[in-house]
Amino acid sequence: MDNQKFKILSIGTDASTLDKDSRIARRVIDYGDLVDKYTIITPAEKEAKVDLSEKVTVFGVVGKNKIFKLFKVYVKAGKILQNEKYNIITVQDQYYLGFVAWLLSKKFKIGLEIQNHGFEKFSGIRKLIAKFIFPRASAVRTVSKRLKNRLIQEFGVKEEKITIVPVFFKPEEFLDTRCPIGHQVSKNSSDKFVFLTVGRLVPVKNIAMQIGAMAEILKARKDVELWIVGEGGLENNLKNLAKELNIEINIKFLGWQNDIASIYKRADVFLLTSHSEGWPVSIMEAAGYGLPVIMTDVGSAGELIINGKNGMVVPVNDGEALEAAMKKLMDDEGMRMYLGKNARKSVLGMPTKEETLRMHKKSFAKARI
């Protein structure tokens, strides 16, 4: 596969790509090494052009509302494609930006790769757009077998168009490799038992279910806390729920944290209770620190986290099952150690950077017309 034949225009969703020091910027520089040219357009707070490497350039475009931003992305991409020949357009969004990318791919007769990381906010016109553009893509890149099966069954995407590329996990970014496998911090016997969750405080994360389970657990024992790391529109609602249940002293809202490592190391069990996920990074981080994981049957459940082997998987929106799993791990230190040790082994055995990049190139090859 001659990388000189791959010139890719990417429509992104993350303005932090404009920051040369960001994690996503470092990742797209690696993508650039696979191809002849990699150009990114992303909605941003201000107009910008940043050269991340000799092959990778990022443009930030501004609009006063979502419609204007979509229009500006379309215009900017159109100008780039008029001035220079590209082989592929790839897009990180399967909804509005995905439709813009499809229009551009038709107008300029180039291949279209749609990236699928899950189905958050999947209703109304978003659902109609996704059902329209997925079967029309030249290639679809997704993060799990679960999502691949859904793309085939619900959207009619041909299996040969789909490439599974799990989210790349760079252990050295998260792990203190000096720590042994298993629970990595000696906790004082006087410390409270800590459940930890990390993520946006939005409806899809269903953190209210965790608070409800905590209310039941706290009826029997008081040496338990739930630490919630993250921010979002539901923060006040969740705080009010904890107050209504008279457990606010045991529910700690920590906001966003720069030193997330120290928090993972002080927790006993990690919780993820989402209604839907792609391939959650927080699960990889928690597993990397040797934390036992309880998660709903979404995202990487069944692939990375196997119930009873390296974590506990409960049905979506089943508060009683969550409560039972939490109680089991509180009472069984041996099970916590066993699951945490195996979770860490599993995440350290994920595809390497080189293997992940080869999967990306395989999808690019499928997309090229």
Protein backbone atom coordinates (compact mmCIF):
# COMPACT_ATOMS: atom_id res chain seq x y z
CA MET A 1 0.00 0.00 0.00
CA ASP A 2 1.75 3.16 -1.18
CA ASN A 3 1.21 5.87 1.39
CA GLN A 4 1.90 8.54 -1.26
CA LYS A 5 -1.54 7.74 -2.68
CA PHE A 6 -3.42 8.64 0.48
CA LYS A 7 -4.40 12.28 0.96
CA ILE A 8 -7.05 12.64 3.62
CA LEU A 9 -9.35 15.48 4.64
CA SER A 10 -10.73 14.96 8.14
CA ILE A 11 -13.76 16.75 9.57
CA GLY A 12 -13.32 16.65 13.31
CA THR A 13 -15.29 17.61 16.39
CA ASP A 14 -12.56 18.34 18.93
CA ALA A 15 -11.07 21.84 18.89
CA SER A 16 -8.25 20.68 21.17
CA THR A 17 -6.67 19.28 18.00
CA LEU A 18 -5.46 22.86 17.50
CA ASP A 19 -3.36 22.53 20.67
CA LYS A 20 -0.04 20.95 19.70
CA ASP A 21 0.38 19.55 23.21
CA SER A 22 -3.01 17.83 23.39
CA ARG A 23 -3.41 14.06 23.35
CA ILE A 24 -5.55 14.17 20.20
CA ALA A 25 -2.98 16.33 18.39
CA ARG A 26 -0.29 13.76 19.13
CA ARG A 27 -2.58 11.05 17.83
CA VAL A 28 -3.33 12.73 14.49
CA ILE A 29 0.38 13.34 13.95
CA ASP A 30 0.69 9.55 14.00
CA TYR A 31 -2.09 9.32 11.41
CA GLY A 32 -0.14 11.73 9.24
CA ASP A 33 2.80 9.34 9.24
CA LEU A 34 0.58 6.78 7.49
CA VAL A 35 -0.30 8.97 4.52
CA ASP A 36 0.93 11.65 2.16
CA LYS A 37 -1.21 14.43 3.63
CA TYR A 38 -3.69 14.75 6.50
CA THR A 39 -5.74 17.94 6.76
CA ILE A 40 -8.27 18.53 9.54
CA ILE A 41 -11.16 20.99 9.80
CA THR A 42 -12.85 21.42 13.18
CA PRO A 43 -15.40 23.86 14.64
CA ALA A 44 -13.59 26.13 17.08
CA GLU A 45 -13.89 29.30 19.15
CA LYS A 46 -11.67 31.28 16.77
CA GLU A 47 -10.33 31.01 13.24
CA ALA A 48 -6.98 29.25 13.26
CA LYS A 49 -4.47 27.31 11.23
CA VAL A 50 -1.93 25.08 12.97
CA ASP A 51 0.72 22.92 11.33
CA LEU A 52 1.17 19.93 13.62
CA SER A 53 3.77 18.33 11.36
CA GLU A 54 4.95 18.45 7.77
CA LYS A 55 1.98 16.32 6.78
CA VAL A 56 -0.71 17.39 9.27
CA THR A 57 -2.50 20.76 9.23
CA VAL A 58 -5.52 21.75 11.34
CA PHE A 59 -7.98 24.52 10.50
CA GLY A 60 -10.38 25.92 13.10
CA VAL A 61 -13.57 27.49 11.74
CA VAL A 62 -16.03 29.73 13.60
CA GLY A 63 -19.78 30.20 13.36
CA LYS A 64 -22.20 32.04 15.64
CA ASN A 65 -24.45 28.98 15.92
CA LYS A 66 -24.47 25.32 14.90
CA ILE A 67 -25.97 25.98 11.47
CA PHE A 68 -23.38 28.61 10.62
CA LYS A 69 -20.59 26.34 11.88
CA LEU A 70 -21.79 23.55 9.61
CA PHE A 71 -21.92 25.98 6.70
CA LYS A 72 -18.41 27.28 7.45
CA VAL A 73 -17.05 23.72 7.63
CA TYR A 74 -18.65 22.96 4.26
CA VAL A 75 -17.25 26.12 2.65
CA LYS A 76 -13.75 25.62 4.08
CA ALA A 77 -13.65 21.98 3.03
CA GLY A 78 -14.95 22.88 -0.43
CA LYS A 79 -12.18 25.41 -0.96
CA ILE A 80 -9.52 22.92 0.11
CA LEU A 81 -10.91 20.21 -2.18
CA GLN A 82 -11.15 22.62 -5.12
CA ASN A 83 -7.52 23.63 -4.77
CA GLU A 84 -6.02 20.19 -4.18
CA LYS A 85 -6.92 16.60 -4.94
CA TYR A 86 -7.72 14.39 -1.93
CA ASN A 87 -8.57 10.67 -1.97
CA ILE A 88 -10.65 10.37 1.18
CA ILE A 89 -12.79 12.44 3.48
CA THR A 90 -13.14 11.05 7.02
CA VAL A 91 -15.56 12.39 9.63
CA GLN A 92 -15.80 11.89 13.40
CA ASP A 93 -19.55 12.53 13.54
CA GLN A 94 -22.33 10.40 12.06
CA TYR A 95 -24.94 13.13 12.30
CA TYR A 96 -24.78 16.72 10.99
CA LEU A 97 -21.07 16.85 10.19
CA GLY A 98 -21.42 13.39 8.72
CA PHE A 99 -24.06 14.68 6.32
CA VAL A 100 -21.78 17.58 5.36
CA ALA A 101 -18.99 15.09 4.67
CA TRP A 102 -21.32 12.97 2.53
CA LEU A 103 -22.30 16.04 0.45
CA LEU A 104 -18.62 16.85 -0.07
CA SER A 105 -17.75 13.27 -1.00
CA LYS A 106 -20.48 13.28 -3.66
CA LYS A 107 -19.57 16.69 -5.05
CA PHE A 108 -15.85 15.98 -5.32
CA LYS A 109 -16.17 12.23 -6.03
CA ILE A 110 -13.92 11.04 -3.22
CA GLY A 111 -14.22 8.18 -0.74
CA LEU A 112 -16.05 8.69 2.56
CA GLU A 113 -15.03 7.09 5.86
CA ILE A 114 -17.43 7.55 8.77
CA GLN A 115 -16.10 7.02 12.28
CA ASN A 116 -18.51 5.52 14.80
CA HIS A 117 -17.81 5.79 18.53
CA GLY A 118 -21.32 5.04 19.80
CA PHE A 119 -24.84 6.40 19.49
CA GLU A 120 -25.28 9.19 22.02
CA LYS A 121 -28.29 11.48 21.38
CA PHE A 122 -29.60 8.97 18.85
CA SER A 123 -33.11 10.22 18.06
CA GLY A 124 -35.11 12.47 15.74
CA ILE A 125 -33.29 13.95 12.77
CA ARG A 126 -29.95 12.61 14.02
CA LYS A 127 -31.28 9.07 13.71
CA LEU A 128 -32.58 9.76 10.19
CA ILE A 129 -29.24 11.21 9.08
CA ALA A 130 -27.28 8.28 10.51
CA LYS A 131 -29.55 5.76 8.79
CA PHE A 132 -29.10 7.67 5.52
CA ILE A 133 -25.33 8.15 5.46
CA PHE A 134 -23.98 4.92 6.99
CA PRO A 135 -24.98 2.63 4.09
CA ARG A 136 -23.63 5.22 1.63
CA ALA A 137 -20.15 5.42 3.18
CA SER A 138 -17.20 3.83 1.41
CA ALA A 139 -15.89 2.61 4.77
CA VAL A 140 -16.96 2.70 8.41
CA ARG A 141 -14.49 2.61 11.30
CA THR A 142 -15.88 1.64 14.69
CA VAL A 143 -14.47 0.69 18.09
CA SER A 144 -16.10 -2.61 19.06
CA LYS A 145 -17.72 -5.81 17.83
CA ARG A 146 -20.94 -4.70 19.54
CA LEU A 147 -21.10 -1.56 17.41
CA LYS A 148 -20.07 -3.44 14.27
CA ASN A 149 -23.01 -5.81 14.71
CA ARG A 150 -25.38 -2.91 15.23
CA LEU A 151 -24.11 -1.16 12.09
CA ILE A 152 -24.80 -4.32 10.08
CA GLN A 153 -28.18 -5.19 11.59
CA GLU A 154 -29.72 -1.75 12.11
CA PHE A 155 -28.09 0.37 9.41
CA GLY A 156 -27.49 -2.13 6.65
CA VAL A 157 -23.75 -1.48 6.42
CA LYS A 158 -21.97 -4.25 4.53
CA GLU A 159 -19.60 -6.17 6.79
CA GLU A 160 -16.67 -5.81 4.40
CA LYS A 161 -16.86 -2.01 4.73
CA ILE A 162 -16.36 -2.09 8.50
CA THR A 163 -13.03 -2.01 10.33
CA ILE A 164 -12.85 -2.36 14.12
CA VAL A 165 -10.19 -0.14 15.68
CA PRO A 166 -10.38 -0.07 19.51
CA VAL A 167 -9.42 3.19 21.18
CA PHE A 168 -5.64 3.16 21.54
CA PHE A 169 -4.51 2.90 25.15
CA LYS A 170 -1.05 4.24 25.89
CA PRO A 171 -0.23 2.71 29.29
CA GLU A 172 2.59 5.11 30.12
CA GLU A 173 0.14 8.04 29.99
CA PHE A 174 -1.97 6.56 32.79
CA LEU A 175 0.02 4.04 34.74
CA ASP A 176 2.66 4.19 37.39
CA THR A 177 4.57 1.15 36.16
CA ARG A 178 6.40 0.90 39.48
CA CYS A 179 3.15 -0.23 41.10
CA PRO A 180 2.42 -3.96 41.27
CA ILE A 181 -0.59 -5.53 39.62
CA GLY A 182 -3.61 -5.37 41.86
CA HIS A 183 -4.76 -2.60 44.18
CA GLN A 184 -1.89 -0.14 44.05
CA VAL A 185 -2.24 1.84 47.24
CA SER A 186 -2.13 0.69 50.83
CA LYS A 187 -5.32 1.99 52.36
CA ASN A 188 -5.71 2.67 56.03
CA SER A 189 -8.26 0.51 57.79
CA SER A 190 -9.92 3.75 58.91
CA ASP A 191 -10.41 4.89 55.31
CA LYS A 192 -13.88 4.75 53.82
CA PHE A 193 -14.64 2.33 51.03
CA VAL A 194 -14.60 4.39 47.83
CA PHE A 195 -16.60 3.80 44.68
CA LEU A 196 -15.38 6.01 41.83
CA THR A 197 -16.98 7.16 38.60
CA VAL A 198 -15.39 9.44 35.99
CA GLY A 199 -17.25 11.13 33.15
CA ARG A 200 -19.55 13.89 31.99
CA LEU A 201 -22.59 14.52 34.17
CA VAL A 202 -25.13 14.00 31.39
CA PRO A 203 -28.21 11.74 31.05
CA VAL A 204 -26.53 8.96 29.06
CA LYS A 205 -24.10 8.28 31.95
CA ASN A 206 -27.01 7.45 34.31
CA ILE A 207 -25.10 8.45 37.43
CA ALA A 208 -28.40 8.82 39.27
CA MET A 209 -28.54 5.01 39.38
CA GLN A 210 -25.25 4.97 41.29
CA ILE A 211 -26.60 7.47 43.82
CA GLY A 212 -29.75 5.37 44.23
CA ALA A 213 -27.69 2.24 44.85
CA MET A 214 -25.58 4.13 47.39
CA ALA A 215 -28.73 5.13 49.27
CA GLU A 216 -29.60 1.45 49.74
CA ILE A 217 -26.06 0.44 50.70
CA LEU A 218 -25.80 3.23 53.27
CA LYS A 219 -28.81 1.86 55.14
CA ALA A 220 -26.60 -0.99 56.34
CA ARG A 221 -23.16 0.61 56.60
CA LYS A 222 -21.86 4.17 56.70
CA ASP A 223 -18.18 3.69 55.80
CA VAL A 224 -18.81 4.10 52.06
CA GLU A 225 -18.41 7.01 49.66
CA LEU A 226 -19.10 7.61 45.99
CA TRP A 227 -16.64 9.95 44.29
CA ILE A 228 -17.91 11.58 41.11
CA VAL A 229 -15.24 13.12 38.87
CA GLY A 230 -16.57 15.28 36.06
CA GLU A 231 -18.85 18.16 35.20
CA GLY A 232 -21.99 18.58 33.16
CA GLY A 233 -25.54 19.83 32.93
CA LEU A 234 -26.93 17.37 35.48
CA GLU A 235 -24.57 18.31 38.31
CA ASN A 236 -27.15 20.29 40.31
CA ASN A 237 -29.83 17.64 39.73
CA LEU A 238 -27.51 14.92 41.01
CA LYS A 239 -26.53 16.99 44.05
CA ASN A 240 -30.21 17.59 44.79
CA LEU A 241 -30.92 13.86 44.48
CA ALA A 242 -28.19 13.05 47.00
CA LYS A 243 -29.63 15.68 49.33
CA GLU A 244 -33.18 14.36 48.96
CA LEU A 245 -31.94 10.87 49.84
CA ASN A 246 -30.08 12.35 52.83
CA ILE A 247 -26.75 10.91 51.70
CA GLU A 248 -25.02 14.07 50.46
CA ILE A 249 -22.22 13.64 53.01
CA ASN A 250 -21.27 10.35 51.34
CA ILE A 251 -21.43 11.59 47.73
CA LYS A 252 -18.37 13.64 46.75
CA PHE A 253 -18.59 15.80 43.61
CA LEU A 254 -14.97 16.45 42.67
CA GLY A 255 -15.37 18.27 39.34
CA TRP A 256 -12.73 17.79 36.66
CA GLN A 257 -9.35 16.76 38.02
CA ASN A 258 -5.92 17.30 36.51
CA ASP A 259 -4.30 14.68 38.75
CA ILE A 260 -6.71 11.84 37.99
CA ALA A 261 -4.03 9.25 38.78
CA SER A 262 -4.08 9.99 42.51
CA ILE A 263 -7.86 9.57 42.56
CA TYR A 264 -7.81 6.21 40.79
CA LYS A 265 -5.20 5.02 43.26
CA ARG A 266 -7.35 5.98 46.27
CA ALA A 267 -10.51 4.25 45.03
CA ASP A 268 -11.59 0.67 45.69
CA VAL A 269 -14.03 -0.01 42.83
CA PHE A 270 -14.79 1.78 39.56
CA LEU A 271 -18.38 2.25 38.33
CA LEU A 272 -19.72 2.93 34.84
CA THR A 273 -23.52 2.83 34.52
CA SER A 274 -24.15 4.35 31.09
CA HIS A 275 -27.15 3.65 28.88
CA SER A 276 -24.79 3.63 25.88
CA GLU A 277 -21.03 3.84 25.23
CA GLY A 278 -18.50 3.41 22.47
CA TRP A 279 -15.21 2.23 23.96
CA PRO A 280 -14.89 4.18 27.22
CA VAL A 281 -11.39 5.41 28.05
CA SER A 282 -12.29 5.60 31.75
CA ILE A 283 -12.68 1.80 31.85
CA MET A 284 -9.19 1.37 30.37
CA GLU A 285 -7.75 3.86 32.85
CA ALA A 286 -9.41 2.19 35.84
CA ALA A 287 -8.32 -1.27 34.69
CA GLY A 288 -4.82 0.04 34.10
CA TYR A 289 -4.62 1.09 37.73
CA GLY A 290 -5.75 -2.35 38.84
CA LEU A 291 -9.22 -1.25 39.93
CA PRO A 292 -12.02 -3.80 39.79
CA VAL A 293 -14.76 -2.54 37.47
CA ILE A 294 -18.54 -2.74 37.66
CA MET A 295 -20.11 -1.60 34.39
CA THR A 296 -23.38 -1.87 32.54
CA ASP A 297 -23.60 -4.06 29.45
CA VAL A 298 -22.44 -1.37 27.02
CA GLY A 299 -19.32 -0.43 25.08
CA SER A 300 -16.36 -2.65 25.90
CA ALA A 301 -18.39 -5.01 28.12
CA GLY A 302 -18.08 -8.52 26.72
CA GLU A 303 -14.88 -7.66 24.85
CA LEU A 304 -12.45 -5.94 27.22
CA ILE A 305 -14.38 -6.49 30.46
CA ILE A 306 -15.73 -10.04 30.85
CA ASN A 307 -18.21 -10.63 33.65
CA GLY A 308 -16.65 -12.64 36.47
CA LYS A 309 -13.23 -12.78 34.83
CA ASN A 310 -11.89 -9.22 35.02
CA GLY A 311 -14.93 -7.22 36.10
CA MET A 312 -18.64 -7.34 36.80
CA VAL A 313 -21.20 -6.55 34.08
CA VAL A 314 -24.79 -5.70 35.02
CA PRO A 315 -27.84 -5.02 32.83
CA VAL A 316 -28.42 -1.45 31.67
CA ASN A 317 -30.60 0.60 34.05
CA ASP A 318 -30.85 -2.24 36.60
CA GLY A 319 -30.34 -0.54 39.95
CA GLU A 320 -30.85 -3.71 41.98
CA ALA A 321 -28.18 -5.58 40.01
CA LEU A 322 -25.79 -2.67 40.47
CA GLU A 323 -26.44 -2.57 44.21
CA ALA A 324 -25.86 -6.33 44.49
CA ALA A 325 -22.57 -6.12 42.58
CA MET A 326 -21.38 -3.20 44.72
CA LYS A 327 -22.19 -5.09 47.92
CA LYS A 328 -20.43 -8.23 46.67
CA LEU A 329 -17.19 -6.38 45.95
CA MET A 330 -17.35 -4.47 49.22
CA ASP A 331 -17.58 -7.75 51.12
CA ASP A 332 -15.07 -9.79 49.10
CA GLU A 333 -11.54 -8.39 49.06
CA GLY A 334 -10.23 -11.49 47.31
CA MET A 335 -12.67 -10.97 44.44
CA ARG A 336 -11.65 -7.31 44.20
CA MET A 337 -7.98 -8.28 43.94
CA TYR A 338 -8.71 -11.03 41.41
CA LEU A 339 -10.81 -8.83 39.12
CA GLY A 340 -8.46 -5.85 39.39
CA LYS A 341 -5.39 -7.94 38.59
CA ASN A 342 -7.06 -9.51 35.55
CA ALA A 343 -8.44 -6.18 34.34
CA ARG A 344 -4.95 -4.70 34.36
CA LYS A 345 -3.56 -7.67 32.44
CA SER A 346 -6.33 -7.31 29.86
CA VAL A 347 -5.78 -3.62 29.23
CA LEU A 348 -2.02 -4.05 28.98
CA GLY A 349 -2.64 -6.72 26.34
CA MET A 350 -4.59 -4.41 24.02
CA PRO A 351 -3.26 -3.65 20.50
CA THR A 352 -0.02 -1.68 20.37
CA LYS A 353 0.29 1.71 18.75
CA GLU A 354 1.74 0.13 15.61
CA GLU A 355 -1.06 -2.44 15.41
CA THR A 356 -3.70 0.26 15.89
CA LEU A 357 -2.22 2.42 13.14
CA ARG A 358 -2.22 -0.55 10.77
CA MET A 359 -5.95 -0.94 11.43
CA HIS A 360 -6.47 2.75 10.61
CA LYS A 361 -4.61 2.34 7.33
CA LYS A 362 -6.73 -0.70 6.49
CA SER A 363 -9.87 1.42 6.88
CA PHE A 364 -8.39 4.24 4.79
CA ALA A 365 -7.69 1.71 2.04
CA LYS A 366 -11.33 0.59 2.09
CA ALA A 367 -12.50 4.21 1.85
CA ARG A 368 -10.34 5.19 -1.10
CA ILE A 369 -12.22 5.33 -4.42
